[in-house]
Amino acid sequence: MFIDESTARILDLSDGTRTAAEIITQLEHEQAGAKGNELEWIEYLFVEGLIGLRQKNPTYVSANAKSEQICEQYG
């Protein structure tokens, strides 16, 4: 499969840590000639199954943060 540079960068940035808006902002900073239809292209890639969604769990606490909380409680 052959993909253009912009699509490759979108796929690279779609690692589950950014929103579509954040990806577009990053592309605008990196590519002076951004086309302006990046959101539609991201939607297309999603519909075709090339990228997906991940839900951030706001109640998730990392193991390090949890261990620090325990140390503060019983320190």
PDB file of N, CA and C in Angstrom:
ATOM      1  N   MET A   1       0.851  -1.169   0.000  1.00  0.00           N
ATOM      2  CA  MET A   1       0.000   0.000   0.000  1.00  0.00           C
ATOM      3  C   MET A   1       0.895   1.229   0.000  1.00  0.00           C
ATOM      4  N   PHE A   2       0.554   2.208  -0.785  1.00  0.00           N
ATOM      5  CA  PHE A   2       1.281   3.470  -0.864  1.00  0.00           C
ATOM      6  C   PHE A   2       0.408   4.570  -0.271  1.00  0.00           C
ATOM      7  N   ILE A   3       0.984   5.342   0.646  1.00  0.00           N
ATOM      8  CA  ILE A   3       0.261   6.479   1.212  1.00  0.00           C
ATOM      9  C   ILE A   3       1.139   7.716   1.137  1.00  0.00           C
ATOM     10  N   ASP A   4       0.490   8.861   1.068  1.00  0.00           N
ATOM     11  CA  ASP A   4       1.231  10.115   0.971  1.00  0.00           C
ATOM     12  C   ASP A   4       1.811  10.489   2.342  1.00  0.00           C
ATOM     13  N   GLU A   5       2.702  11.457   2.334  1.00  0.00           N
ATOM     14  CA  GLU A   5       3.408  11.875   3.542  1.00  0.00           C
ATOM     15  C   GLU A   5       2.461  12.380   4.630  1.00  0.00           C
ATOM     16  N   SER A   6       1.455  13.141   4.243  1.00  0.00           N
ATOM     17  CA  SER A   6       0.507  13.686   5.203  1.00  0.00           C
ATOM     18  C   SER A   6      -0.281  12.577   5.898  1.00  0.00           C
ATOM     19  N   THR A   7      -0.732  11.586   5.118  1.00  0.00           N
ATOM     20  CA  THR A   7      -1.470  10.470   5.696  1.00  0.00           C
ATOM     21  C   THR A   7      -0.569   9.658   6.614  1.00  0.00           C
ATOM     22  N   ALA A   8       0.660   9.450   6.209  1.00  0.00           N
ATOM     23  CA  ALA A   8       1.615   8.720   7.053  1.00  0.00           C
ATOM     24  C   ALA A   8       1.795   9.433   8.388  1.00  0.00           C
ATOM     25  N   ARG A   9       1.872  10.752   8.352  1.00  0.00           N
ATOM     26  CA  ARG A   9       2.043  11.512   9.594  1.00  0.00           C
ATOM     27  C   ARG A   9       0.792  11.428  10.460  1.00  0.00           C
ATOM     28  N   ILE A  10      -0.384  11.478   9.841  1.00  0.00           N
ATOM     29  CA  ILE A  10      -1.632  11.336  10.596  1.00  0.00           C
ATOM     30  C   ILE A  10      -1.661   9.973  11.286  1.00  0.00           C
ATOM     31  N   LEU A  11      -1.311   8.927  10.565  1.00  0.00           N
ATOM     32  CA  LEU A  11      -1.298   7.593  11.150  1.00  0.00           C
ATOM     33  C   LEU A  11      -0.282   7.503  12.289  1.00  0.00           C
ATOM     34  N   ASP A  12       0.855   8.148  12.111  1.00  0.00           N
ATOM     35  CA  ASP A  12       1.886   8.156  13.143  1.00  0.00           C
ATOM     36  C   ASP A  12       1.396   8.871  14.401  1.00  0.00           C
ATOM     37  N   LEU A  13       0.711   9.988  14.222  1.00  0.00           N
ATOM     38  CA  LEU A  13       0.213  10.768  15.355  1.00  0.00           C
ATOM     39  C   LEU A  13      -1.013  10.142  16.009  1.00  0.00           C
ATOM     40  N   SER A  14      -1.662   9.224  15.321  1.00  0.00           N
ATOM     41  CA  SER A  14      -2.879   8.584  15.837  1.00  0.00           C
ATOM     42  C   SER A  14      -2.509   7.397  16.716  1.00  0.00           C
ATOM     43  N   ASP A  15      -1.812   7.693  17.800  1.00  0.00           N
ATOM     44  CA  ASP A  15      -1.334   6.632  18.683  1.00  0.00           C
ATOM     45  C   ASP A  15      -2.155   6.508  19.960  1.00  0.00           C
ATOM     46  N   GLY A  16      -3.299   7.178  19.996  1.00  0.00           N
ATOM     47  CA  GLY A  16      -4.168   7.084  21.154  1.00  0.00           C
ATOM     48  C   GLY A  16      -3.903   8.119  22.229  1.00  0.00           C
ATOM     49  N   THR A  17      -2.952   9.018  21.964  1.00  0.00           N
ATOM     50  CA  THR A  17      -2.625  10.029  22.978  1.00  0.00           C
ATOM     51  C   THR A  17      -3.111  11.417  22.596  1.00  0.00           C
ATOM     52  N   ARG A  18      -3.638  11.573  21.385  1.00  0.00           N
ATOM     53  CA  ARG A  18      -4.058  12.886  20.889  1.00  0.00           C
ATOM     54  C   ARG A  18      -5.486  12.840  20.367  1.00  0.00           C
ATOM     55  N   THR A  19      -6.143  13.980  20.447  1.00  0.00           N
ATOM     56  CA  THR A  19      -7.451  14.120  19.816  1.00  0.00           C
ATOM     57  C   THR A  19      -7.230  14.471  18.346  1.00  0.00           C
ATOM     58  N   ALA A  20      -8.296  14.400  17.562  1.00  0.00           N
ATOM     59  CA  ALA A  20      -8.202  14.797  16.151  1.00  0.00           C
ATOM     60  C   ALA A  20      -7.768  16.256  16.046  1.00  0.00           C
ATOM     61  N   ALA A  21      -8.288  17.112  16.929  1.00  0.00           N
ATOM     62  CA  ALA A  21      -7.913  18.533  16.905  1.00  0.00           C
ATOM     63  C   ALA A  21      -6.428  18.705  17.196  1.00  0.00           C
ATOM     64  N   GLU A  22      -5.895  17.919  18.120  1.00  0.00           N
ATOM     65  CA  GLU A  22      -4.471  18.012  18.438  1.00  0.00           C
ATOM     66  C   GLU A  22      -3.614  17.532  17.276  1.00  0.00           C
ATOM     67  N   ILE A  23      -4.074  16.514  16.584  1.00  0.00           N
ATOM     68  CA  ILE A  23      -3.351  16.021  15.404  1.00  0.00           C
ATOM     69  C   ILE A  23      -3.323  17.090  14.325  1.00  0.00           C
ATOM     70  N   ILE A  24      -4.459  17.724  14.091  1.00  0.00           N
ATOM     71  CA  ILE A  24      -4.534  18.779  13.080  1.00  0.00           C
ATOM     72  C   ILE A  24      -3.619  19.944  13.447  1.00  0.00           C
ATOM     73  N   THR A  25      -3.616  20.339  14.706  1.00  0.00           N
ATOM     74  CA  THR A  25      -2.742  21.424  15.153  1.00  0.00           C
ATOM     75  C   THR A  25      -1.280  21.066  14.914  1.00  0.00           C
ATOM     76  N   GLN A  26      -0.908  19.830  15.238  1.00  0.00           N
ATOM     77  CA  GLN A  26       0.467  19.376  15.020  1.00  0.00           C
ATOM     78  C   GLN A  26       0.812  19.418  13.537  1.00  0.00           C
ATOM     79  N   LEU A  27      -0.102  18.956  12.692  1.00  0.00           N
ATOM     80  CA  LEU A  27       0.135  18.978  11.247  1.00  0.00           C
ATOM     81  C   LEU A  27       0.311  20.402  10.736  1.00  0.00           C
ATOM     82  N   GLU A  28      -0.505  21.327  11.247  1.00  0.00           N
ATOM     83  CA  GLU A  28      -0.400  22.724  10.815  1.00  0.00           C
ATOM     84  C   GLU A  28       0.954  23.306  11.190  1.00  0.00           C
ATOM     85  N   HIS A  29       1.486  22.919  12.341  1.00  0.00           N
ATOM     86  CA  HIS A  29       2.811  23.399  12.749  1.00  0.00           C
ATOM     87  C   HIS A  29       3.914  22.795  11.886  1.00  0.00           C
ATOM     88  N   GLU A  30       3.757  21.545  11.517  1.00  0.00           N
ATOM     89  CA  GLU A  30       4.789  20.839  10.763  1.00  0.00           C
ATOM     90  C   GLU A  30       4.736  21.114   9.266  1.00  0.00           C
ATOM     91  N   GLN A  31       3.539  21.298   8.747  1.00  0.00           N
ATOM     92  CA  GLN A  31       3.370  21.429   7.304  1.00  0.00           C
ATOM     93  C   GLN A  31       2.784  22.793   6.974  1.00  0.00           C
ATOM     94  N   ALA A  32       3.624  23.649   6.461  1.00  0.00           N
ATOM     95  CA  ALA A  32       3.177  25.013   6.160  1.00  0.00           C
ATOM     96  C   ALA A  32       2.013  25.022   5.170  1.00  0.00           C
ATOM     97  N   GLY A  33       1.986  24.082   4.272  1.00  0.00           N
ATOM     98  CA  GLY A  33       0.929  24.055   3.265  1.00  0.00           C
ATOM     99  C   GLY A  33      -0.189  23.096   3.603  1.00  0.00           C
ATOM    100  N   ALA A  34      -0.596  23.054   4.855  1.00  0.00           N
ATOM    101  CA  ALA A  34      -1.697  22.152   5.227  1.00  0.00           C
ATOM    102  C   ALA A  34      -2.918  22.463   4.382  1.00  0.00           C
ATOM    103  N   LYS A  35      -3.571  21.425   3.915  1.00  0.00           N
ATOM    104  CA  LYS A  35      -4.664  21.567   2.944  1.00  0.00           C
ATOM    105  C   LYS A  35      -5.943  22.127   3.529  1.00  0.00           C
ATOM    106  N   GLY A  36      -6.159  21.939   4.816  1.00  0.00           N
ATOM    107  CA  GLY A  36      -7.386  22.427   5.421  1.00  0.00           C
ATOM    108  C   GLY A  36      -8.489  21.394   5.496  1.00  0.00           C
ATOM    109  N   ASN A  37      -8.290  20.235   4.890  1.00  0.00           N
ATOM    110  CA  ASN A  37      -9.315  19.185   4.947  1.00  0.00           C
ATOM    111  C   ASN A  37      -8.844  17.998   5.782  1.00  0.00           C
ATOM    112  N   GLU A  38      -7.928  18.257   6.709  1.00  0.00           N
ATOM    113  CA  GLU A  38      -7.359  17.180   7.517  1.00  0.00           C
ATOM    114  C   GLU A  38      -8.414  16.472   8.368  1.00  0.00           C
ATOM    115  N   LEU A  39      -9.364  17.219   8.906  1.00  0.00           N
ATOM    116  CA  LEU A  39     -10.391  16.596   9.741  1.00  0.00           C
ATOM    117  C   LEU A  39     -11.216  15.596   8.928  1.00  0.00           C
ATOM    118  N   GLU A  40     -11.590  15.973   7.719  1.00  0.00           N
ATOM    119  CA  GLU A  40     -12.344  15.060   6.867  1.00  0.00           C
ATOM    120  C   GLU A  40     -11.512  13.821   6.531  1.00  0.00           C
ATOM    121  N   TRP A  41     -10.215  14.012   6.330  1.00  0.00           N
ATOM    122  CA  TRP A  41      -9.343  12.899   6.002  1.00  0.00           C
ATOM    123  C   TRP A  41      -9.188  11.963   7.208  1.00  0.00           C
ATOM    124  N   ILE A  42      -9.065  12.529   8.411  1.00  0.00           N
ATOM    125  CA  ILE A  42      -8.992  11.718   9.624  1.00  0.00           C
ATOM    126  C   ILE A  42     -10.290  10.923   9.780  1.00  0.00           C
ATOM    127  N   GLU A  43     -11.425  11.562   9.513  1.00  0.00           N
ATOM    128  CA  GLU A  43     -12.706  10.867   9.580  1.00  0.00           C
ATOM    129  C   GLU A  43     -12.748   9.716   8.585  1.00  0.00           C
ATOM    130  N   TYR A  44     -12.268   9.944   7.376  1.00  0.00           N
ATOM    131  CA  TYR A  44     -12.225   8.899   6.359  1.00  0.00           C
ATOM    132  C   TYR A  44     -11.366   7.726   6.823  1.00  0.00           C
ATOM    133  N   LEU A  45     -10.184   8.023   7.372  1.00  0.00           N
ATOM    134  CA  LEU A  45      -9.296   6.969   7.859  1.00  0.00           C
ATOM    135  C   LEU A  45      -9.964   6.165   8.977  1.00  0.00           C
ATOM    136  N   PHE A  46     -10.731   6.856   9.816  1.00  0.00           N
ATOM    137  CA  PHE A  46     -11.469   6.186  10.885  1.00  0.00           C
ATOM    138  C   PHE A  46     -12.546   5.268  10.309  1.00  0.00           C
ATOM    139  N   VAL A  47     -13.332   5.786   9.383  1.00  0.00           N
ATOM    140  CA  VAL A  47     -14.427   5.005   8.777  1.00  0.00           C
ATOM    141  C   VAL A  47     -13.863   3.765   8.073  1.00  0.00           C
ATOM    142  N   GLU A  48     -12.708   3.914   7.456  1.00  0.00           N
ATOM    143  CA  GLU A  48     -12.084   2.786   6.752  1.00  0.00           C
ATOM    144  C   GLU A  48     -11.389   1.810   7.702  1.00  0.00           C
ATOM    145  N   GLY A  49     -11.340   2.151   8.992  1.00  0.00           N
ATOM    146  CA  GLY A  49     -10.747   1.249   9.975  1.00  0.00           C
ATOM    147  C   GLY A  49      -9.244   1.336  10.113  1.00  0.00           C
ATOM    148  N   LEU A  50      -8.646   2.368   9.533  1.00  0.00           N
ATOM    149  CA  LEU A  50      -7.192   2.511   9.627  1.00  0.00           C
ATOM    150  C   LEU A  50      -6.751   3.146  10.939  1.00  0.00           C
ATOM    151  N   ILE A  51      -7.649   3.873  11.582  1.00  0.00           N
ATOM    152  CA  ILE A  51      -7.401   4.414  12.913  1.00  0.00           C
ATOM    153  C   ILE A  51      -8.650   4.171  13.745  1.00  0.00           C
ATOM    154  N   GLY A  52      -8.501   4.186  15.053  1.00  0.00           N
ATOM    155  CA  GLY A  52      -9.632   3.916  15.923  1.00  0.00           C
ATOM    156  C   GLY A  52      -9.691   4.903  17.073  1.00  0.00           C
ATOM    157  N   LEU A  53     -10.625   4.664  17.946  1.00  0.00           N
ATOM    158  CA  LEU A  53     -10.811   5.516  19.112  1.00  0.00           C
ATOM    159  C   LEU A  53     -10.376   4.779  20.365  1.00  0.00           C
ATOM    160  N   ARG A  54      -9.860   5.539  21.296  1.00  0.00           N
ATOM    161  CA  ARG A  54      -9.561   5.013  22.624  1.00  0.00           C
ATOM    162  C   ARG A  54     -10.134   5.981  23.628  1.00  0.00           C
ATOM    163  N   GLN A  55     -10.787   5.450  24.623  1.00  0.00           N
ATOM    164  CA  GLN A  55     -11.359   6.304  25.649  1.00  0.00           C
ATOM    165  C   GLN A  55     -10.340   6.470  26.761  1.00  0.00           C
ATOM    166  N   LYS A  56     -10.092   7.727  27.118  1.00  0.00           N
ATOM    167  CA  LYS A  56      -9.219   8.000  28.247  1.00  0.00           C
ATOM    168  C   LYS A  56     -10.021   7.770  29.511  1.00  0.00           C
ATOM    169  N   ASN A  57      -9.444   7.079  30.455  1.00  0.00           N
ATOM    170  CA  ASN A  57     -10.115   6.804  31.716  1.00  0.00           C
ATOM    171  C   ASN A  57      -9.690   7.866  32.723  1.00  0.00           C
ATOM    172  N   PRO A  58     -10.551   8.839  33.010  1.00  0.00           N
ATOM    173  CA  PRO A  58     -10.160   9.926  33.904  1.00  0.00           C
ATOM    174  C   PRO A  58      -9.918   9.471  35.330  1.00  0.00           C
ATOM    175  N   THR A  59     -10.426   8.308  35.704  1.00  0.00           N
ATOM    176  CA  THR A  59     -10.218   7.830  37.071  1.00  0.00           C
ATOM    177  C   THR A  59      -8.979   6.957  37.183  1.00  0.00           C
ATOM    178  N   TYR A  60      -8.311   6.706  36.056  1.00  0.00           N
ATOM    179  CA  TYR A  60      -7.113   5.881  36.079  1.00  0.00           C
ATOM    180  C   TYR A  60      -6.003   6.604  36.823  1.00  0.00           C
ATOM    181  N   VAL A  61      -5.362   5.902  37.716  1.00  0.00           N
ATOM    182  CA  VAL A  61      -4.214   6.442  38.447  1.00  0.00           C
ATOM    183  C   VAL A  61      -3.058   5.499  38.186  1.00  0.00           C
ATOM    184  N   SER A  62      -1.943   6.048  37.741  1.00  0.00           N
ATOM    185  CA  SER A  62      -0.795   5.201  37.437  1.00  0.00           C
ATOM    186  C   SER A  62      -0.284   4.540  38.705  1.00  0.00           C
ATOM    187  N   ALA A  63       0.452   3.461  38.546  1.00  0.00           N
ATOM    188  CA  ALA A  63       0.996   2.729  39.690  1.00  0.00           C
ATOM    189  C   ALA A  63       1.913   3.624  40.520  1.00  0.00           C
ATOM    190  N   ASN A  64       2.715   4.456  39.864  1.00  0.00           N
ATOM    191  CA  ASN A  64       3.621   5.352  40.599  1.00  0.00           C
ATOM    192  C   ASN A  64       2.842   6.370  41.419  1.00  0.00           C
ATOM    193  N   ALA A  65       1.810   6.956  40.821  1.00  0.00           N
ATOM    194  CA  ALA A  65       1.007   7.946  41.533  1.00  0.00           C
ATOM    195  C   ALA A  65       0.299   7.300  42.707  1.00  0.00           C
ATOM    196  N   LYS A  66      -0.216   6.081  42.518  1.00  0.00           N
ATOM    197  CA  LYS A  66      -0.905   5.387  43.593  1.00  0.00           C
ATOM    198  C   LYS A  66       0.067   5.078  44.723  1.00  0.00           C
ATOM    199  N   SER A  67       1.262   4.644  44.394  1.00  0.00           N
ATOM    200  CA  SER A  67       2.260   4.333  45.408  1.00  0.00           C
ATOM    201  C   SER A  67       2.668   5.603  46.167  1.00  0.00           C
ATOM    202  N   GLU A  68       2.764   6.733  45.469  1.00  0.00           N
ATOM    203  CA  GLU A  68       3.073   8.007  46.139  1.00  0.00           C
ATOM    204  C   GLU A  68       1.949   8.395  47.094  1.00  0.00           C
ATOM    205  N   GLN A  69       0.703   8.175  46.702  1.00  0.00           N
ATOM    206  CA  GLN A  69      -0.426   8.483  47.585  1.00  0.00           C
ATOM    207  C   GLN A  69      -0.371   7.634  48.851  1.00  0.00           C
ATOM    208  N   ILE A  70      -0.037   6.359  48.698  1.00  0.00           N
ATOM    209  CA  ILE A  70       0.052   5.469  49.854  1.00  0.00           C
ATOM    210  C   ILE A  70       1.176   5.904  50.774  1.00  0.00           C
ATOM    211  N   CYS A  71       2.330   6.275  50.197  1.00  0.00           N
ATOM    212  CA  CYS A  71       3.464   6.732  50.999  1.00  0.00           C
ATOM    213  C   CYS A  71       3.112   8.001  51.770  1.00  0.00           C
ATOM    214  N   GLU A  72       2.366   8.904  51.148  1.00  0.00           N
ATOM    215  CA  GLU A  72       1.965  10.136  51.832  1.00  0.00           C
ATOM    216  C   GLU A  72       1.015   9.829  52.980  1.00  0.00           C
ATOM    217  N   GLN A  73       0.127   8.847  52.803  1.00  0.00           N
ATOM    218  CA  GLN A  73      -0.826   8.496  53.837  1.00  0.00           C
ATOM    219  C   GLN A  73      -0.141   7.855  55.049  1.00  0.00           C
ATOM    220  N   TYR A  74       0.795   6.954  54.757  1.00  0.00           N
ATOM    221  CA  TYR A  74       1.379   6.165  55.842  1.00  0.00           C
ATOM    222  C   TYR A  74       2.831   6.512  56.113  1.00  0.00           C
ATOM    223  N   GLY A  75       3.383   7.501  55.333  1.00  0.00           N
ATOM    224  CA  GLY A  75       4.760   7.907  55.347  1.00  0.00           C
ATOM    225  C   GLY A  75       5.421   7.987  56.610  1.00  0.00           C
TER     226      GLY A  75
END
